[in-house]
Amino acid sequence: MIFDMTRQIEAVYENGVLRPLEPLPLKEHQKVSVTVSDAEDPLASMMDYAFIESARREIQGLAGIPSLDEVRDILSRSPGSLADDLKAEREDRF
């Protein structure tokens, strides 16, 4: 079975190992990427971990991180509202 999606789960840290609190459809010794946040952090539930991971991968593929002026230039050429574009993109995902 291929598990090609991002999913938020709860786990317990015991004896140096993260133990998921629910079964996962993974193969034995399958490599995964893990993002850890303190479940007691009130902002943790508001984080969009899929977006953050996607942005991290995209940045790694760039020759360098664009400067603030370069970002402003790119955004100034974008028609419409960035907020509306983000809202539409998120609605399309769900």
PDB file of N, CA and C in Angstrom:
ATOM      1  N   MET A   1       0.847  -1.177   0.000  1.00  0.00           N
ATOM      2  CA  MET A   1       0.000   0.000   0.000  1.00  0.00           C
ATOM      3  C   MET A   1       0.893   1.241   0.000  1.00  0.00           C
ATOM      4  N   ILE A   2       0.575   2.202  -0.839  1.00  0.00           N
ATOM      5  CA  ILE A   2       1.329   3.458  -0.899  1.00  0.00           C
ATOM      6  C   ILE A   2       0.584   4.491  -0.083  1.00  0.00           C
ATOM      7  N   PHE A   3       1.276   5.124   0.823  1.00  0.00           N
ATOM      8  CA  PHE A   3       0.722   6.150   1.707  1.00  0.00           C
ATOM      9  C   PHE A   3       1.294   7.474   1.256  1.00  0.00           C
ATOM     10  N   ASP A   4       0.637   8.087   0.255  1.00  0.00           N
ATOM     11  CA  ASP A   4       1.173   9.296  -0.354  1.00  0.00           C
ATOM     12  C   ASP A   4       0.293  10.489  -0.001  1.00  0.00           C
ATOM     13  N   MET A   5       0.258  10.797   1.295  1.00  0.00           N
ATOM     14  CA  MET A   5      -0.537  11.930   1.724  1.00  0.00           C
ATOM     15  C   MET A   5       0.030  12.462   3.030  1.00  0.00           C
ATOM     16  N   THR A   6      -0.333  13.675   3.354  1.00  0.00           N
ATOM     17  CA  THR A   6       0.064  14.257   4.616  1.00  0.00           C
ATOM     18  C   THR A   6      -1.084  14.074   5.585  1.00  0.00           C
ATOM     19  N   ARG A   7      -0.734  13.705   6.782  1.00  0.00           N
ATOM     20  CA  ARG A   7      -1.764  13.394   7.759  1.00  0.00           C
ATOM     21  C   ARG A   7      -1.258  13.793   9.137  1.00  0.00           C
ATOM     22  N   GLN A   8      -2.111  14.390   9.930  1.00  0.00           N
ATOM     23  CA  GLN A   8      -1.734  14.771  11.284  1.00  0.00           C
ATOM     24  C   GLN A   8      -2.243  13.693  12.231  1.00  0.00           C
ATOM     25  N   ILE A   9      -1.355  13.165  13.064  1.00  0.00           N
ATOM     26  CA  ILE A   9      -1.731  12.146  14.038  1.00  0.00           C
ATOM     27  C   ILE A   9      -1.183  12.543  15.401  1.00  0.00           C
ATOM     28  N   GLU A  10      -1.669  11.908  16.423  1.00  0.00           N
ATOM     29  CA  GLU A  10      -1.122  12.113  17.749  1.00  0.00           C
ATOM     30  C   GLU A  10      -0.227  10.936  18.087  1.00  0.00           C
ATOM     31  N   ALA A  11       0.829  11.205  18.830  1.00  0.00           N
ATOM     32  CA  ALA A  11       1.763  10.168  19.227  1.00  0.00           C
ATOM     33  C   ALA A  11       2.250  10.474  20.637  1.00  0.00           C
ATOM     34  N   VAL A  12       2.812   9.466  21.257  1.00  0.00           N
ATOM     35  CA  VAL A  12       3.394   9.612  22.586  1.00  0.00           C
ATOM     36  C   VAL A  12       4.883   9.319  22.478  1.00  0.00           C
ATOM     37  N   TYR A  13       5.680  10.130  23.133  1.00  0.00           N
ATOM     38  CA  TYR A  13       7.127   9.927  23.143  1.00  0.00           C
ATOM     39  C   TYR A  13       7.472   9.082  24.360  1.00  0.00           C
ATOM     40  N   GLU A  14       8.009   7.872  24.124  1.00  0.00           N
ATOM     41  CA  GLU A  14       8.358   6.944  25.202  1.00  0.00           C
ATOM     42  C   GLU A  14       9.715   6.323  24.926  1.00  0.00           C
ATOM     43  N   ASN A  15      10.591   6.398  25.903  1.00  0.00           N
ATOM     44  CA  ASN A  15      11.901   5.751  25.801  1.00  0.00           C
ATOM     45  C   ASN A  15      12.624   6.086  24.502  1.00  0.00           C
ATOM     46  N   GLY A  16      12.550   7.350  24.087  1.00  0.00           N
ATOM     47  CA  GLY A  16      13.270   7.785  22.902  1.00  0.00           C
ATOM     48  C   GLY A  16      12.597   7.456  21.583  1.00  0.00           C
ATOM     49  N   VAL A  17      11.344   6.983  21.622  1.00  0.00           N
ATOM     50  CA  VAL A  17      10.639   6.569  20.399  1.00  0.00           C
ATOM     51  C   VAL A  17       9.256   7.213  20.370  1.00  0.00           C
ATOM     52  N   LEU A  18       8.847   7.720  19.201  1.00  0.00           N
ATOM     53  CA  LEU A  18       7.482   8.218  19.033  1.00  0.00           C
ATOM     54  C   LEU A  18       6.571   7.031  18.731  1.00  0.00           C
ATOM     55  N   ARG A  19       5.502   6.882  19.525  1.00  0.00           N
ATOM     56  CA  ARG A  19       4.548   5.784  19.327  1.00  0.00           C
ATOM     57  C   ARG A  19       3.212   6.387  18.900  1.00  0.00           C
ATOM     58  N   PRO A  20       2.770   6.127  17.647  1.00  0.00           N
ATOM     59  CA  PRO A  20       1.485   6.664  17.185  1.00  0.00           C
ATOM     60  C   PRO A  20       0.336   6.120  18.027  1.00  0.00           C
ATOM     61  N   LEU A  21      -0.686   6.926  18.229  1.00  0.00           N
ATOM     62  CA  LEU A  21      -1.846   6.502  19.002  1.00  0.00           C
ATOM     63  C   LEU A  21      -2.931   5.889  18.127  1.00  0.00           C
ATOM     64  N   GLU A  22      -2.626   5.702  16.855  1.00  0.00           N
ATOM     65  CA  GLU A  22      -3.554   5.042  15.932  1.00  0.00           C
ATOM     66  C   GLU A  22      -2.735   4.265  14.910  1.00  0.00           C
ATOM     67  N   PRO A  23      -3.320   3.222  14.334  1.00  0.00           N
ATOM     68  CA  PRO A  23      -2.576   2.445  13.328  1.00  0.00           C
ATOM     69  C   PRO A  23      -2.294   3.294  12.090  1.00  0.00           C
ATOM     70  N   LEU A  24      -1.147   3.060  11.469  1.00  0.00           N
ATOM     71  CA  LEU A  24      -0.780   3.772  10.249  1.00  0.00           C
ATOM     72  C   LEU A  24      -0.574   2.765   9.123  1.00  0.00           C
ATOM     73  N   PRO A  25      -1.028   3.109   7.911  1.00  0.00           N
ATOM     74  CA  PRO A  25      -0.874   2.192   6.774  1.00  0.00           C
ATOM     75  C   PRO A  25       0.523   2.298   6.159  1.00  0.00           C
ATOM     76  N   LEU A  26       1.526   1.902   6.930  1.00  0.00           N
ATOM     77  CA  LEU A  26       2.914   2.002   6.485  1.00  0.00           C
ATOM     78  C   LEU A  26       3.538   0.617   6.443  1.00  0.00           C
ATOM     79  N   LYS A  27       4.518   0.487   5.556  1.00  0.00           N
ATOM     80  CA  LYS A  27       5.285  -0.758   5.499  1.00  0.00           C
ATOM     81  C   LYS A  27       6.349  -0.732   6.588  1.00  0.00           C
ATOM     82  N   GLU A  28       6.752  -1.896   7.032  1.00  0.00           N
ATOM     83  CA  GLU A  28       7.839  -2.006   8.004  1.00  0.00           C
ATOM     84  C   GLU A  28       9.090  -1.333   7.444  1.00  0.00           C
ATOM     85  N   HIS A  29       9.737  -0.505   8.218  1.00  0.00           N
ATOM     86  CA  HIS A  29      10.966   0.221   7.869  1.00  0.00           C
ATOM     87  C   HIS A  29      10.766   1.276   6.780  1.00  0.00           C
ATOM     88  N   GLN A  30       9.511   1.626   6.487  1.00  0.00           N
ATOM     89  CA  GLN A  30       9.249   2.672   5.493  1.00  0.00           C
ATOM     90  C   GLN A  30       9.713   4.014   6.048  1.00  0.00           C
ATOM     91  N   LYS A  31      10.407   4.776   5.231  1.00  0.00           N
ATOM     92  CA  LYS A  31      10.892   6.094   5.632  1.00  0.00           C
ATOM     93  C   LYS A  31       9.754   7.101   5.489  1.00  0.00           C
ATOM     94  N   VAL A  32       9.584   7.942   6.496  1.00  0.00           N
ATOM     95  CA  VAL A  32       8.551   8.980   6.480  1.00  0.00           C
ATOM     96  C   VAL A  32       9.162  10.286   6.966  1.00  0.00           C
ATOM     97  N   SER A  33       8.490  11.385   6.709  1.00  0.00           N
ATOM     98  CA  SER A  33       8.890  12.688   7.221  1.00  0.00           C
ATOM     99  C   SER A  33       7.983  13.007   8.400  1.00  0.00           C
ATOM    100  N   VAL A  34       8.564  13.476   9.491  1.00  0.00           N
ATOM    101  CA  VAL A  34       7.797  13.730  10.711  1.00  0.00           C
ATOM    102  C   VAL A  34       7.965  15.185  11.119  1.00  0.00           C
ATOM    103  N   THR A  35       6.856  15.842  11.428  1.00  0.00           N
ATOM    104  CA  THR A  35       6.869  17.184  11.993  1.00  0.00           C
ATOM    105  C   THR A  35       6.348  17.058  13.415  1.00  0.00           C
ATOM    106  N   VAL A  36       7.082  17.565  14.372  1.00  0.00           N
ATOM    107  CA  VAL A  36       6.704  17.405  15.772  1.00  0.00           C
ATOM    108  C   VAL A  36       6.292  18.755  16.342  1.00  0.00           C
ATOM    109  N   SER A  37       5.158  18.771  17.034  1.00  0.00           N
ATOM    110  CA  SER A  37       4.741  19.970  17.755  1.00  0.00           C
ATOM    111  C   SER A  37       4.203  19.528  19.109  1.00  0.00           C
ATOM    112  N   ASP A  38       4.307  20.401  20.073  1.00  0.00           N
ATOM    113  CA  ASP A  38       3.807  20.123  21.405  1.00  0.00           C
ATOM    114  C   ASP A  38       2.289  20.211  21.359  1.00  0.00           C
ATOM    115  N   ALA A  39       1.605  19.120  21.692  1.00  0.00           N
ATOM    116  CA  ALA A  39       0.144  19.086  21.631  1.00  0.00           C
ATOM    117  C   ALA A  39      -0.488  20.104  22.566  1.00  0.00           C
ATOM    118  N   GLU A  40       0.255  20.558  23.554  1.00  0.00           N
ATOM    119  CA  GLU A  40      -0.276  21.539  24.494  1.00  0.00           C
ATOM    120  C   GLU A  40      -0.146  22.957  23.964  1.00  0.00           C
ATOM    121  N   ASP A  41       0.525  23.141  22.840  1.00  0.00           N
ATOM    122  CA  ASP A  41       0.678  24.469  22.237  1.00  0.00           C
ATOM    123  C   ASP A  41      -0.656  24.867  21.611  1.00  0.00           C
ATOM    124  N   PRO A  42      -1.301  25.940  22.081  1.00  0.00           N
ATOM    125  CA  PRO A  42      -2.616  26.314  21.542  1.00  0.00           C
ATOM    126  C   PRO A  42      -2.578  26.678  20.058  1.00  0.00           C
ATOM    127  N   LEU A  43      -1.414  27.067  19.531  1.00  0.00           N
ATOM    128  CA  LEU A  43      -1.327  27.423  18.121  1.00  0.00           C
ATOM    129  C   LEU A  43      -1.093  26.206  17.225  1.00  0.00           C
ATOM    130  N   ALA A  44      -0.740  25.062  17.796  1.00  0.00           N
ATOM    131  CA  ALA A  44      -0.413  23.876  17.003  1.00  0.00           C
ATOM    132  C   ALA A  44      -1.568  23.465  16.101  1.00  0.00           C
ATOM    133  N   SER A  45      -2.801  23.574  16.587  1.00  0.00           N
ATOM    134  CA  SER A  45      -3.947  23.154  15.779  1.00  0.00           C
ATOM    135  C   SER A  45      -4.204  24.092  14.610  1.00  0.00           C
ATOM    136  N   MET A  46      -3.598  25.285  14.635  1.00  0.00           N
ATOM    137  CA  MET A  46      -3.810  26.253  13.568  1.00  0.00           C
ATOM    138  C   MET A  46      -2.748  26.152  12.464  1.00  0.00           C
ATOM    139  N   MET A  47      -1.721  25.354  12.688  1.00  0.00           N
ATOM    140  CA  MET A  47      -0.636  25.255  11.721  1.00  0.00           C
ATOM    141  C   MET A  47      -1.056  24.408  10.524  1.00  0.00           C
ATOM    142  N   ASP A  48      -0.716  24.857   9.348  1.00  0.00           N
ATOM    143  CA  ASP A  48      -0.969  24.109   8.120  1.00  0.00           C
ATOM    144  C   ASP A  48       0.325  23.378   7.769  1.00  0.00           C
ATOM    145  N   TYR A  49       0.510  22.200   8.361  1.00  0.00           N
ATOM    146  CA  TYR A  49       1.764  21.471   8.208  1.00  0.00           C
ATOM    147  C   TYR A  49       1.995  21.019   6.767  1.00  0.00           C
ATOM    148  N   ALA A  50       0.927  20.710   6.042  1.00  0.00           N
ATOM    149  CA  ALA A  50       1.089  20.304   4.639  1.00  0.00           C
ATOM    150  C   ALA A  50       1.672  21.455   3.832  1.00  0.00           C
ATOM    151  N   PHE A  51       1.177  22.672   4.066  1.00  0.00           N
ATOM    152  CA  PHE A  51       1.686  23.833   3.350  1.00  0.00           C
ATOM    153  C   PHE A  51       3.144  24.105   3.726  1.00  0.00           C
ATOM    154  N   ILE A  52       3.445  24.029   5.009  1.00  0.00           N
ATOM    155  CA  ILE A  52       4.810  24.295   5.464  1.00  0.00           C
ATOM    156  C   ILE A  52       5.783  23.299   4.849  1.00  0.00           C
ATOM    157  N   GLU A  53       5.416  22.029   4.829  1.00  0.00           N
ATOM    158  CA  GLU A  53       6.288  21.003   4.244  1.00  0.00           C
ATOM    159  C   GLU A  53       6.450  21.226   2.740  1.00  0.00           C
ATOM    160  N   SER A  54       5.361  21.582   2.060  1.00  0.00           N
ATOM    161  CA  SER A  54       5.419  21.853   0.626  1.00  0.00           C
ATOM    162  C   SER A  54       6.341  23.042   0.343  1.00  0.00           C
ATOM    163  N   ALA A  55       6.218  24.093   1.133  1.00  0.00           N
ATOM    164  CA  ALA A  55       7.070  25.276   0.955  1.00  0.00           C
ATOM    165  C   ALA A  55       8.532  24.936   1.226  1.00  0.00           C
ATOM    166  N   ARG A  56       8.778  24.112   2.249  1.00  0.00           N
ATOM    167  CA  ARG A  56      10.155  23.719   2.569  1.00  0.00           C
ATOM    168  C   ARG A  56      10.777  22.976   1.397  1.00  0.00           C
ATOM    169  N   ARG A  57      10.030  22.053   0.789  1.00  0.00           N
ATOM    170  CA  ARG A  57      10.551  21.304  -0.357  1.00  0.00           C
ATOM    171  C   ARG A  57      10.794  22.221  -1.551  1.00  0.00           C
ATOM    172  N   GLU A  58       9.890  23.176  -1.752  1.00  0.00           N
ATOM    173  CA  GLU A  58      10.027  24.107  -2.881  1.00  0.00           C
ATOM    174  C   GLU A  58      11.247  25.000  -2.699  1.00  0.00           C
ATOM    175  N   ILE A  59      11.456  25.488  -1.492  1.00  0.00           N
ATOM    176  CA  ILE A  59      12.608  26.349  -1.212  1.00  0.00           C
ATOM    177  C   ILE A  59      13.911  25.587  -1.414  1.00  0.00           C
ATOM    178  N   GLN A  60      13.928  24.311  -1.015  1.00  0.00           N
ATOM    179  CA  GLN A  60      15.141  23.508  -1.190  1.00  0.00           C
ATOM    180  C   GLN A  60      15.502  23.361  -2.664  1.00  0.00           C
ATOM    181  N   GLY A  61      14.508  23.403  -3.540  1.00  0.00           N
ATOM    182  CA  GLY A  61      14.754  23.261  -4.965  1.00  0.00           C
ATOM    183  C   GLY A  61      15.211  24.551  -5.639  1.00  0.00           C
ATOM    184  N   LEU A  62      15.145  25.670  -4.935  1.00  0.00           N
ATOM    185  CA  LEU A  62      15.553  26.955  -5.500  1.00  0.00           C
ATOM    186  C   LEU A  62      17.059  27.151  -5.384  1.00  0.00           C
ATOM    187  N   ALA A  63      17.583  27.982  -6.242  1.00  0.00           N
ATOM    188  CA  ALA A  63      19.014  28.313  -6.168  1.00  0.00           C
ATOM    189  C   ALA A  63      19.288  29.121  -4.905  1.00  0.00           C
ATOM    190  N   GLY A  64      18.328  29.862  -4.457  1.00  0.00           N
ATOM    191  CA  GLY A  64      18.469  30.668  -3.245  1.00  0.00           C
ATOM    192  C   GLY A  64      17.114  31.206  -2.845  1.00  0.00           C
ATOM    193  N   ILE A  65      17.006  31.688  -1.661  1.00  0.00           N
ATOM    194  CA  ILE A  65      15.749  32.258  -1.194  1.00  0.00           C
ATOM    195  C   ILE A  65      15.627  33.656  -1.783  1.00  0.00           C
ATOM    196  N   PRO A  66      14.471  33.979  -2.400  1.00  0.00           N
ATOM    197  CA  PRO A  66      14.326  35.301  -3.020  1.00  0.00           C
ATOM    198  C   PRO A  66      14.341  36.407  -1.969  1.00  0.00           C
ATOM    199  N   SER A  67      14.809  37.559  -2.371  1.00  0.00           N
ATOM    200  CA  SER A  67      14.839  38.712  -1.467  1.00  0.00           C
ATOM    201  C   SER A  67      13.422  39.264  -1.317  1.00  0.00           C
ATOM    202  N   LEU A  68      13.234  40.108  -0.328  1.00  0.00           N
ATOM    203  CA  LEU A  68      11.944  40.739  -0.108  1.00  0.00           C
ATOM    204  C   LEU A  68      11.519  41.546  -1.331  1.00  0.00           C
ATOM    205  N   ASP A  69      12.457  42.252  -1.950  1.00  0.00           N
ATOM    206  CA  ASP A  69      12.131  43.037  -3.152  1.00  0.00           C
ATOM    207  C   ASP A  69      11.691  42.121  -4.301  1.00  0.00           C
ATOM    208  N   GLU A  70      12.350  40.970  -4.441  1.00  0.00           N
ATOM    209  CA  GLU A  70      11.955  40.026  -5.495  1.00  0.00           C
ATOM    210  C   GLU A  70      10.555  39.488  -5.246  1.00  0.00           C
ATOM    211  N   VAL A  71      10.236  39.191  -3.998  1.00  0.00           N
ATOM    212  CA  VAL A  71       8.892  38.708  -3.655  1.00  0.00           C
ATOM    213  C   VAL A  71       7.860  39.788  -3.940  1.00  0.00           C
ATOM    214  N   ARG A  72       8.155  41.014  -3.551  1.00  0.00           N
ATOM    215  CA  ARG A  72       7.225  42.126  -3.811  1.00  0.00           C
ATOM    216  C   ARG A  72       6.991  42.302  -5.311  1.00  0.00           C
ATOM    217  N   ASP A  73       8.058  42.180  -6.105  1.00  0.00           N
ATOM    218  CA  ASP A  73       7.949  42.309  -7.556  1.00  0.00           C
ATOM    219  C   ASP A  73       7.048  41.214  -8.132  1.00  0.00           C
ATOM    220  N   ILE A  74       7.266  39.989  -7.689  1.00  0.00           N
ATOM    221  CA  ILE A  74       6.450  38.862  -8.174  1.00  0.00           C
ATOM    222  C   ILE A  74       4.987  39.067  -7.800  1.00  0.00           C
ATOM    223  N   LEU A  75       4.733  39.450  -6.541  1.00  0.00           N
ATOM    224  CA  LEU A  75       3.354  39.631  -6.085  1.00  0.00           C
ATOM    225  C   LEU A  75       2.682  40.821  -6.767  1.00  0.00           C
ATOM    226  N   SER A  76       3.439  41.847  -7.109  1.00  0.00           N
ATOM    227  CA  SER A  76       2.842  43.018  -7.757  1.00  0.00           C
ATOM    228  C   SER A  76       2.329  42.681  -9.156  1.00  0.00           C
ATOM    229  N   ARG A  77       2.882  41.637  -9.768  1.00  0.00           N
ATOM    230  CA  ARG A  77       2.443  41.244 -11.110  1.00  0.00           C
ATOM    231  C   ARG A  77       1.297  40.230 -11.082  1.00  0.00           C
ATOM    232  N   SER A  78       0.907  39.800  -9.884  1.00  0.00           N
ATOM    233  CA  SER A  78      -0.168  38.824  -9.749  1.00  0.00           C
ATOM    234  C   SER A  78      -1.510  39.541  -9.791  1.00  0.00           C
ATOM    235  N   PRO A  79      -2.383  39.159 -10.728  1.00  0.00           N
ATOM    236  CA  PRO A  79      -3.687  39.827 -10.804  1.00  0.00           C
ATOM    237  C   PRO A  79      -4.574  39.403  -9.627  1.00  0.00           C
ATOM    238  N   GLY A  80      -5.473  40.283  -9.229  1.00  0.00           N
ATOM    239  CA  GLY A  80      -6.415  39.943  -8.168  1.00  0.00           C
ATOM    240  C   GLY A  80      -5.792  40.042  -6.787  1.00  0.00           C
ATOM    241  N   SER A  81      -6.418  39.362  -5.864  1.00  0.00           N
ATOM    242  CA  SER A  81      -6.014  39.421  -4.467  1.00  0.00           C
ATOM    243  C   SER A  81      -5.339  38.111  -4.065  1.00  0.00           C
ATOM    244  N   LEU A  82      -4.193  38.203  -3.421  1.00  0.00           N
ATOM    245  CA  LEU A  82      -3.495  37.008  -2.952  1.00  0.00           C
ATOM    246  C   LEU A  82      -4.365  36.261  -1.946  1.00  0.00           C
ATOM    247  N   ALA A  83      -5.074  36.988  -1.084  1.00  0.00           N
ATOM    248  CA  ALA A  83      -5.945  36.360  -0.089  1.00  0.00           C
ATOM    249  C   ALA A  83      -7.044  35.556  -0.791  1.00  0.00           C
ATOM    250  N   ASP A  84      -7.640  36.117  -1.846  1.00  0.00           N
ATOM    251  CA  ASP A  84      -8.677  35.401  -2.594  1.00  0.00           C
ATOM    252  C   ASP A  84      -8.107  34.163  -3.275  1.00  0.00           C
ATOM    253  N   ASP A  85      -6.890  34.275  -3.799  1.00  0.00           N
ATOM    254  CA  ASP A  85      -6.241  33.129  -4.452  1.00  0.00           C
ATOM    255  C   ASP A  85      -5.982  32.003  -3.455  1.00  0.00           C
ATOM    256  N   LEU A  86      -5.493  32.352  -2.267  1.00  0.00           N
ATOM    257  CA  LEU A  86      -5.234  31.344  -1.242  1.00  0.00           C
ATOM    258  C   LEU A  86      -6.527  30.679  -0.782  1.00  0.00           C
ATOM    259  N   LYS A  87      -7.567  31.475  -0.595  1.00  0.00           N
ATOM    260  CA  LYS A  87      -8.859  30.937  -0.173  1.00  0.00           C
ATOM    261  C   LYS A  87      -9.393  29.969  -1.226  1.00  0.00           C
ATOM    262  N   ALA A  88      -9.335  30.344  -2.496  1.00  0.00           N
ATOM    263  CA  ALA A  88      -9.812  29.478  -3.574  1.00  0.00           C
ATOM    264  C   ALA A  88      -9.004  28.190  -3.654  1.00  0.00           C
ATOM    265  N   GLU A  89      -7.687  28.293  -3.481  1.00  0.00           N
ATOM    266  CA  GLU A  89      -6.838  27.102  -3.531  1.00  0.00           C
ATOM    267  C   GLU A  89      -7.187  26.136  -2.406  1.00  0.00           C
ATOM    268  N   ARG A  90      -7.401  26.655  -1.224  1.00  0.00           N
ATOM    269  CA  ARG A  90      -7.749  25.788  -0.097  1.00  0.00           C
ATOM    270  C   ARG A  90      -9.133  25.176  -0.260  1.00  0.00           C
ATOM    271  N   GLU A  91     -10.073  25.918  -0.830  1.00  0.00           N
ATOM    272  CA  GLU A  91     -11.410  25.370  -1.069  1.00  0.00           C
ATOM    273  C   GLU A  91     -11.355  24.254  -2.107  1.00  0.00           C
ATOM    274  N   ASP A  92     -10.459  24.376  -3.085  1.00  0.00           N
ATOM    275  CA  ASP A  92     -10.308  23.345  -4.120  1.00  0.00           C
ATOM    276  C   ASP A  92      -9.759  22.052  -3.535  1.00  0.00           C
ATOM    277  N   ARG A  93      -8.925  22.168  -2.480  1.00  0.00           N
ATOM    278  CA  ARG A  93      -8.328  20.978  -1.871  1.00  0.00           C
ATOM    279  C   ARG A  93      -9.347  20.171  -1.084  1.00  0.00           C
ATOM    280  N   PHE A  94     -10.407  20.813  -0.624  1.00  0.00           N
ATOM    281  CA  PHE A  94     -11.381  20.118   0.218  1.00  0.00           C
ATOM    282  C   PHE A  94     -12.667  20.055  -0.476  1.00  0.00           C
TER     283      PHE A  94
END
